Amino acid sequence: MRPPNHTKNSENPMPHCVIECSAEIAGHPDIDRLLHAVHEATDASGLFQGADIKVRLQSYDDFLVGGRDQDFVHITCHILAGRSDDQKGQLAERLVGAVFERLPGVQSISCEVRDMAPAAYRRRDKPQARG
């Protein structure tokens, strides 16, 4: 039996969108817009419920892109297995496009959509307060 407040994986087709970028991009005054753009693009894919989408950002001070110190954005979108390759490709294309719209001067924008094994994923949510 599952402990209370644990969700069965198939009930929650969550994506975790992890944005990795250079520190200069992370320090941009409109970085919140980038986070929201990734959320909106993921939601617009129709593959997930908006309330299930998680977006977070990790910045790097030390990096090389093509042997040079140039700005980059890479998104890794972790999803539970079960989507087609076409759906995953369309999601990746949508996310790259959303970043490019907000940051057209960035030389390197990439995205990888990764399947997670449902048997290996668990989560626990704090119960909502009733009011």
N, C-alpha and C. Protein backbone atom coordinates (compact mmCIF):
# COMPACT_ATOMS: atom_id res chain seq x y z
N MET A 1 0.84 -1.18 0.00
CA MET A 1 0.00 0.00 0.00
C MET A 1 0.88 1.24 0.00
N ARG A 2 0.48 2.23 -0.76
CA ARG A 2 1.23 3.47 -0.90
C ARG A 2 0.92 4.39 0.28
N PRO A 3 1.96 5.05 0.85
CA PRO A 3 1.70 5.99 1.94
C PRO A 3 0.85 7.15 1.45
N PRO A 4 0.11 7.81 2.34
CA PRO A 4 -0.70 8.95 1.95
C PRO A 4 0.17 10.04 1.33
N ASN A 5 -0.44 10.81 0.43
CA ASN A 5 0.19 11.95 -0.23
C ASN A 5 1.24 11.57 -1.26
N HIS A 6 1.38 10.30 -1.56
CA HIS A 6 2.25 9.89 -2.66
C HIS A 6 1.36 9.70 -3.87
N THR A 7 1.82 10.17 -5.01
CA THR A 7 1.00 10.03 -6.21
C THR A 7 1.54 8.93 -7.08
N LYS A 8 0.63 8.19 -7.64
CA LYS A 8 1.00 7.16 -8.61
C LYS A 8 1.47 7.87 -9.87
N ASN A 9 2.55 7.42 -10.44
CA ASN A 9 3.18 8.11 -11.56
C ASN A 9 2.25 8.33 -12.74
N SER A 10 1.45 7.36 -13.08
CA SER A 10 0.60 7.50 -14.26
C SER A 10 -0.49 8.54 -14.06
N GLU A 11 -0.75 8.92 -12.82
CA GLU A 11 -1.76 9.94 -12.56
C GLU A 11 -1.21 11.34 -12.82
N ASN A 12 0.08 11.48 -12.88
CA ASN A 12 0.71 12.79 -12.98
C ASN A 12 1.79 12.78 -14.05
N PRO A 13 1.45 13.10 -15.29
CA PRO A 13 2.44 13.05 -16.37
C PRO A 13 3.34 14.28 -16.35
N MET A 14 4.01 14.48 -15.24
CA MET A 14 4.79 15.68 -14.99
C MET A 14 5.98 15.85 -15.92
N PRO A 15 6.26 17.06 -16.30
CA PRO A 15 7.59 17.34 -16.83
C PRO A 15 8.38 18.19 -15.84
N HIS A 16 9.66 17.94 -15.78
CA HIS A 16 10.59 18.82 -15.07
C HIS A 16 11.45 19.44 -16.15
N CYS A 17 11.34 20.73 -16.36
CA CYS A 17 12.14 21.44 -17.35
C CYS A 17 13.27 22.16 -16.63
N VAL A 18 14.48 21.70 -16.87
CA VAL A 18 15.66 22.28 -16.23
C VAL A 18 16.39 23.12 -17.27
N ILE A 19 16.43 24.42 -17.03
CA ILE A 19 17.13 25.33 -17.92
C ILE A 19 18.55 25.52 -17.38
N GLU A 20 19.53 25.18 -18.18
CA GLU A 20 20.93 25.45 -17.84
C GLU A 20 21.39 26.59 -18.74
N CYS A 21 22.12 27.54 -18.15
CA CYS A 21 22.57 28.67 -18.95
C CYS A 21 23.81 29.30 -18.34
N SER A 22 24.43 30.17 -19.12
CA SER A 22 25.56 30.93 -18.63
C SER A 22 25.07 31.94 -17.59
N ALA A 23 25.95 32.29 -16.66
CA ALA A 23 25.58 33.20 -15.58
C ALA A 23 25.11 34.55 -16.11
N GLU A 24 25.68 34.99 -17.21
CA GLU A 24 25.26 36.28 -17.78
C GLU A 24 23.79 36.26 -18.17
N ILE A 25 23.33 35.17 -18.75
CA ILE A 25 21.92 35.05 -19.11
C ILE A 25 21.06 34.98 -17.85
N ALA A 26 21.51 34.22 -16.87
CA ALA A 26 20.74 34.10 -15.62
C ALA A 26 20.59 35.44 -14.93
N GLY A 27 21.54 36.34 -15.13
CA GLY A 27 21.47 37.66 -14.52
C GLY A 27 20.67 38.67 -15.31
N HIS A 28 20.11 38.25 -16.43
CA HIS A 28 19.31 39.16 -17.26
C HIS A 28 18.10 39.65 -16.47
N PRO A 29 17.76 40.94 -16.57
CA PRO A 29 16.64 41.46 -15.78
C PRO A 29 15.29 40.80 -16.07
N ASP A 30 15.14 40.23 -17.24
CA ASP A 30 13.86 39.59 -17.61
C ASP A 30 13.93 38.07 -17.54
N ILE A 31 14.79 37.53 -16.69
CA ILE A 31 14.94 36.07 -16.64
C ILE A 31 13.63 35.39 -16.26
N ASP A 32 12.80 36.05 -15.46
CA ASP A 32 11.49 35.47 -15.12
C ASP A 32 10.66 35.22 -16.36
N ARG A 33 10.79 36.09 -17.35
CA ARG A 33 10.04 35.90 -18.60
C ARG A 33 10.47 34.63 -19.32
N LEU A 34 11.76 34.32 -19.23
CA LEU A 34 12.25 33.08 -19.85
C LEU A 34 11.64 31.87 -19.15
N LEU A 35 11.62 31.89 -17.83
CA LEU A 35 11.01 30.78 -17.08
C LEU A 35 9.55 30.61 -17.47
N HIS A 36 8.82 31.72 -17.54
CA HIS A 36 7.41 31.65 -17.91
C HIS A 36 7.23 31.20 -19.36
N ALA A 37 8.13 31.63 -20.25
CA ALA A 37 8.04 31.23 -21.65
C ALA A 37 8.23 29.72 -21.80
N VAL A 38 9.15 29.15 -21.03
CA VAL A 38 9.35 27.70 -21.08
C VAL A 38 8.12 26.99 -20.53
N HIS A 39 7.56 27.51 -19.45
CA HIS A 39 6.34 26.92 -18.88
C HIS A 39 5.20 26.97 -19.91
N GLU A 40 5.00 28.15 -20.51
CA GLU A 40 3.91 28.32 -21.48
C GLU A 40 4.09 27.43 -22.71
N ALA A 41 5.32 27.31 -23.20
CA ALA A 41 5.57 26.46 -24.37
C ALA A 41 5.31 25.00 -24.04
N THR A 42 5.69 24.58 -22.85
CA THR A 42 5.45 23.20 -22.43
C THR A 42 3.95 22.96 -22.29
N ASP A 43 3.25 23.90 -21.70
CA ASP A 43 1.79 23.79 -21.54
C ASP A 43 1.10 23.76 -22.90
N ALA A 44 1.55 24.60 -23.83
CA ALA A 44 0.93 24.68 -25.15
C ALA A 44 1.14 23.41 -25.98
N SER A 45 2.06 22.56 -25.56
CA SER A 45 2.29 21.31 -26.29
C SER A 45 1.07 20.39 -26.21
N GLY A 46 0.24 20.59 -25.17
CA GLY A 46 -0.93 19.74 -24.98
C GLY A 46 -0.61 18.39 -24.37
N LEU A 47 0.64 18.17 -24.00
CA LEU A 47 1.04 16.88 -23.44
C LEU A 47 0.90 16.83 -21.92
N PHE A 48 0.77 17.99 -21.29
CA PHE A 48 0.79 18.07 -19.83
C PHE A 48 -0.25 19.07 -19.34
N GLN A 49 -0.61 18.95 -18.08
CA GLN A 49 -1.46 19.94 -17.42
C GLN A 49 -0.55 21.05 -16.90
N GLY A 50 -0.96 22.30 -17.07
CA GLY A 50 -0.14 23.42 -16.64
C GLY A 50 0.30 23.35 -15.20
N ALA A 51 -0.58 22.88 -14.33
CA ALA A 51 -0.26 22.81 -12.89
C ALA A 51 0.79 21.75 -12.58
N ASP A 52 1.06 20.84 -13.51
CA ASP A 52 2.04 19.77 -13.29
C ASP A 52 3.44 20.13 -13.79
N ILE A 53 3.57 21.25 -14.50
CA ILE A 53 4.84 21.61 -15.13
C ILE A 53 5.74 22.32 -14.12
N LYS A 54 6.96 21.83 -14.02
CA LYS A 54 7.96 22.44 -13.14
C LYS A 54 9.10 22.98 -14.00
N VAL A 55 9.50 24.21 -13.75
CA VAL A 55 10.60 24.83 -14.49
C VAL A 55 11.58 25.40 -13.47
N ARG A 56 12.85 25.10 -13.67
CA ARG A 56 13.87 25.68 -12.80
C ARG A 56 15.11 25.99 -13.64
N LEU A 57 15.95 26.84 -13.07
CA LEU A 57 17.11 27.34 -13.79
C LEU A 57 18.38 27.08 -12.99
N GLN A 58 19.41 26.65 -13.68
CA GLN A 58 20.74 26.45 -13.10
C GLN A 58 21.73 27.22 -13.95
N SER A 59 22.46 28.14 -13.33
CA SER A 59 23.43 28.93 -14.11
C SER A 59 24.85 28.46 -13.83
N TYR A 60 25.73 28.75 -14.78
CA TYR A 60 27.13 28.33 -14.70
C TYR A 60 28.04 29.52 -14.94
N ASP A 61 29.05 29.65 -14.08
CA ASP A 61 30.07 30.67 -14.26
C ASP A 61 31.19 30.17 -15.17
N ASP A 62 31.47 28.89 -15.11
CA ASP A 62 32.58 28.30 -15.84
C ASP A 62 32.06 27.34 -16.90
N PHE A 63 32.35 27.61 -18.16
CA PHE A 63 31.85 26.79 -19.26
C PHE A 63 32.58 27.16 -20.54
N LEU A 64 32.55 26.27 -21.50
CA LEU A 64 33.02 26.54 -22.86
C LEU A 64 31.98 26.00 -23.81
N VAL A 65 31.71 26.73 -24.85
CA VAL A 65 30.80 26.29 -25.92
C VAL A 65 31.60 26.38 -27.21
N GLY A 66 31.87 25.23 -27.81
CA GLY A 66 32.69 25.22 -29.02
C GLY A 66 34.10 25.72 -28.75
N GLY A 67 34.60 25.48 -27.53
CA GLY A 67 35.94 25.91 -27.17
C GLY A 67 36.05 27.36 -26.78
N ARG A 68 34.90 28.05 -26.73
CA ARG A 68 34.91 29.48 -26.40
C ARG A 68 33.96 29.78 -25.26
N ASP A 69 34.18 30.91 -24.65
CA ASP A 69 33.32 31.40 -23.57
C ASP A 69 32.19 32.21 -24.22
N GLN A 70 31.13 31.51 -24.64
CA GLN A 70 29.99 32.21 -25.24
C GLN A 70 28.71 31.74 -24.57
N ASP A 71 27.74 32.64 -24.50
CA ASP A 71 26.49 32.33 -23.81
C ASP A 71 25.78 31.13 -24.43
N PHE A 72 25.05 30.43 -23.57
CA PHE A 72 24.30 29.26 -24.01
C PHE A 72 23.06 29.09 -23.15
N VAL A 73 22.09 28.40 -23.72
CA VAL A 73 20.91 27.92 -22.99
C VAL A 73 20.68 26.49 -23.43
N HIS A 74 20.55 25.59 -22.47
CA HIS A 74 20.19 24.21 -22.76
C HIS A 74 19.06 23.82 -21.82
N ILE A 75 18.01 23.24 -22.38
CA ILE A 75 16.89 22.77 -21.57
C ILE A 75 16.87 21.25 -21.62
N THR A 76 16.78 20.64 -20.46
CA THR A 76 16.53 19.21 -20.37
C THR A 76 15.13 19.07 -19.80
N CYS A 77 14.26 18.44 -20.55
CA CYS A 77 12.88 18.25 -20.13
C CYS A 77 12.70 16.77 -19.78
N HIS A 78 12.58 16.50 -18.50
CA HIS A 78 12.41 15.13 -18.00
C HIS A 78 10.92 14.81 -17.97
N ILE A 79 10.53 13.76 -18.69
CA ILE A 79 9.12 13.36 -18.74
C ILE A 79 9.02 11.86 -18.47
N LEU A 80 7.88 11.45 -17.97
CA LEU A 80 7.66 10.01 -17.80
C LEU A 80 7.51 9.38 -19.17
N ALA A 81 8.08 8.21 -19.35
CA ALA A 81 8.03 7.51 -20.63
C ALA A 81 6.59 7.30 -21.08
N GLY A 82 6.40 7.30 -22.39
CA GLY A 82 5.08 7.03 -22.93
C GLY A 82 4.70 7.93 -24.09
N ARG A 83 5.49 8.99 -24.35
CA ARG A 83 5.21 9.87 -25.49
C ARG A 83 5.95 9.34 -26.71
N SER A 84 5.42 9.64 -27.88
CA SER A 84 6.07 9.20 -29.12
C SER A 84 7.31 10.06 -29.39
N ASP A 85 8.18 9.55 -30.26
CA ASP A 85 9.36 10.33 -30.65
C ASP A 85 8.93 11.63 -31.32
N ASP A 86 7.86 11.59 -32.09
CA ASP A 86 7.35 12.79 -32.74
C ASP A 86 6.90 13.82 -31.71
N GLN A 87 6.17 13.39 -30.70
CA GLN A 87 5.72 14.31 -29.64
C GLN A 87 6.92 14.92 -28.91
N LYS A 88 7.92 14.11 -28.62
CA LYS A 88 9.10 14.62 -27.92
C LYS A 88 9.87 15.59 -28.81
N GLY A 89 9.98 15.29 -30.09
CA GLY A 89 10.66 16.19 -31.02
C GLY A 89 9.94 17.52 -31.15
N GLN A 90 8.61 17.47 -31.22
CA GLN A 90 7.83 18.71 -31.30
C GLN A 90 7.97 19.54 -30.03
N LEU A 91 8.00 18.88 -28.88
CA LEU A 91 8.19 19.59 -27.62
C LEU A 91 9.55 20.27 -27.60
N ALA A 92 10.60 19.56 -27.99
CA ALA A 92 11.94 20.14 -28.03
C ALA A 92 11.99 21.34 -28.96
N GLU A 93 11.39 21.21 -30.13
CA GLU A 93 11.36 22.31 -31.10
C GLU A 93 10.62 23.52 -30.53
N ARG A 94 9.52 23.27 -29.86
CA ARG A 94 8.72 24.33 -29.25
C ARG A 94 9.53 25.07 -28.17
N LEU A 95 10.28 24.31 -27.36
CA LEU A 95 11.07 24.92 -26.29
C LEU A 95 12.24 25.73 -26.84
N VAL A 96 12.93 25.20 -27.85
CA VAL A 96 14.02 25.96 -28.47
C VAL A 96 13.46 27.26 -29.07
N GLY A 97 12.31 27.18 -29.71
CA GLY A 97 11.69 28.37 -30.29
C GLY A 97 11.32 29.41 -29.24
N ALA A 98 10.81 28.95 -28.11
CA ALA A 98 10.42 29.88 -27.03
C ALA A 98 11.64 30.61 -26.48
N VAL A 99 12.76 29.90 -26.34
CA VAL A 99 13.98 30.54 -25.85
C VAL A 99 14.50 31.52 -26.89
N PHE A 100 14.51 31.10 -28.16
CA PHE A 100 15.01 31.98 -29.23
C PHE A 100 14.20 33.27 -29.31
N GLU A 101 12.89 33.18 -29.13
CA GLU A 101 12.05 34.39 -29.16
C GLU A 101 12.45 35.38 -28.07
N ARG A 102 12.81 34.88 -26.89
CA ARG A 102 13.16 35.75 -25.76
C ARG A 102 14.62 36.19 -25.81
N LEU A 103 15.48 35.33 -26.36
CA LEU A 103 16.93 35.60 -26.35
C LEU A 103 17.53 35.34 -27.73
N PRO A 104 17.16 36.15 -28.73
CA PRO A 104 17.60 35.87 -30.11
C PRO A 104 19.11 36.00 -30.32
N GLY A 105 19.82 36.66 -29.43
CA GLY A 105 21.26 36.84 -29.61
C GLY A 105 22.11 35.71 -29.08
N VAL A 106 21.50 34.74 -28.42
CA VAL A 106 22.26 33.63 -27.85
C VAL A 106 22.71 32.69 -28.98
N GLN A 107 24.00 32.38 -29.00
CA GLN A 107 24.57 31.56 -30.06
C GLN A 107 24.18 30.10 -29.99
N SER A 108 24.03 29.57 -28.78
CA SER A 108 23.77 28.14 -28.62
C SER A 108 22.52 27.91 -27.77
N ILE A 109 21.46 27.44 -28.42
CA ILE A 109 20.21 27.09 -27.74
C ILE A 109 19.91 25.64 -28.09
N SER A 110 19.74 24.80 -27.09
CA SER A 110 19.46 23.39 -27.35
C SER A 110 18.47 22.85 -26.33
N CYS A 111 17.90 21.69 -26.67
CA CYS A 111 16.92 21.06 -25.79
C CYS A 111 16.99 19.55 -25.98
N GLU A 112 16.87 18.84 -24.88
CA GLU A 112 16.78 17.39 -24.91
C GLU A 112 15.57 16.99 -24.08
N VAL A 113 14.72 16.16 -24.65
CA VAL A 113 13.57 15.61 -23.92
C VAL A 113 13.94 14.19 -23.53
N ARG A 114 13.98 13.93 -22.24
CA ARG A 114 14.41 12.63 -21.71
C ARG A 114 13.25 11.88 -21.09
N ASP A 115 13.16 10.61 -21.42
CA ASP A 115 12.18 9.73 -20.78
C ASP A 115 12.70 9.29 -19.41
N MET A 116 11.80 9.28 -18.45
CA MET A 116 12.10 8.73 -17.13
C MET A 116 11.30 7.45 -16.98
N ALA A 117 11.91 6.45 -16.38
CA ALA A 117 11.20 5.18 -16.14
C ALA A 117 10.19 5.38 -15.02
N PRO A 118 8.90 5.15 -15.29
CA PRO A 118 7.89 5.34 -14.24
C PRO A 118 8.17 4.53 -12.97
N ALA A 119 8.76 3.35 -13.12
CA ALA A 119 9.04 2.52 -11.94
C ALA A 119 10.11 3.15 -11.05
N ALA A 120 10.91 4.06 -11.59
CA ALA A 120 12.01 4.64 -10.83
C ALA A 120 11.72 6.06 -10.34
N TYR A 121 10.52 6.55 -10.53
CA TYR A 121 10.18 7.92 -10.14
C TYR A 121 9.13 7.93 -9.04
N ARG A 122 9.37 8.72 -8.03
CA ARG A 122 8.39 8.92 -6.96
C ARG A 122 8.35 10.39 -6.60
N ARG A 123 7.26 10.82 -6.04
CA ARG A 123 7.14 12.18 -5.55
C ARG A 123 6.22 12.20 -4.35
N ARG A 124 6.33 13.24 -3.58
CA ARG A 124 5.45 13.44 -2.44
C ARG A 124 5.07 14.90 -2.42
N ASP A 125 3.79 15.16 -2.35
CA ASP A 125 3.28 16.52 -2.28
C ASP A 125 2.73 16.79 -0.90
N LYS A 126 2.95 17.98 -0.44
CA LYS A 126 2.36 18.41 0.82
C LYS A 126 0.87 18.58 0.59
N PRO A 127 0.04 18.06 1.48
CA PRO A 127 -1.41 18.22 1.30
C PRO A 127 -1.81 19.70 1.27
N GLN A 128 -2.76 20.02 0.41
CA GLN A 128 -3.28 21.38 0.31
C GLN A 128 -4.09 21.71 1.56
N ALA A 129 -3.92 22.92 2.07
CA ALA A 129 -4.73 23.36 3.21
C ALA A 129 -6.15 23.61 2.73
N ARG A 130 -7.09 23.17 3.49
CA ARG A 130 -8.50 23.38 3.13
C ARG A 130 -8.99 24.64 3.82
N GLY A 131 -9.68 25.44 3.05
CA GLY A 131 -10.12 26.69 3.67
C GLY A 131 -11.47 27.10 3.32
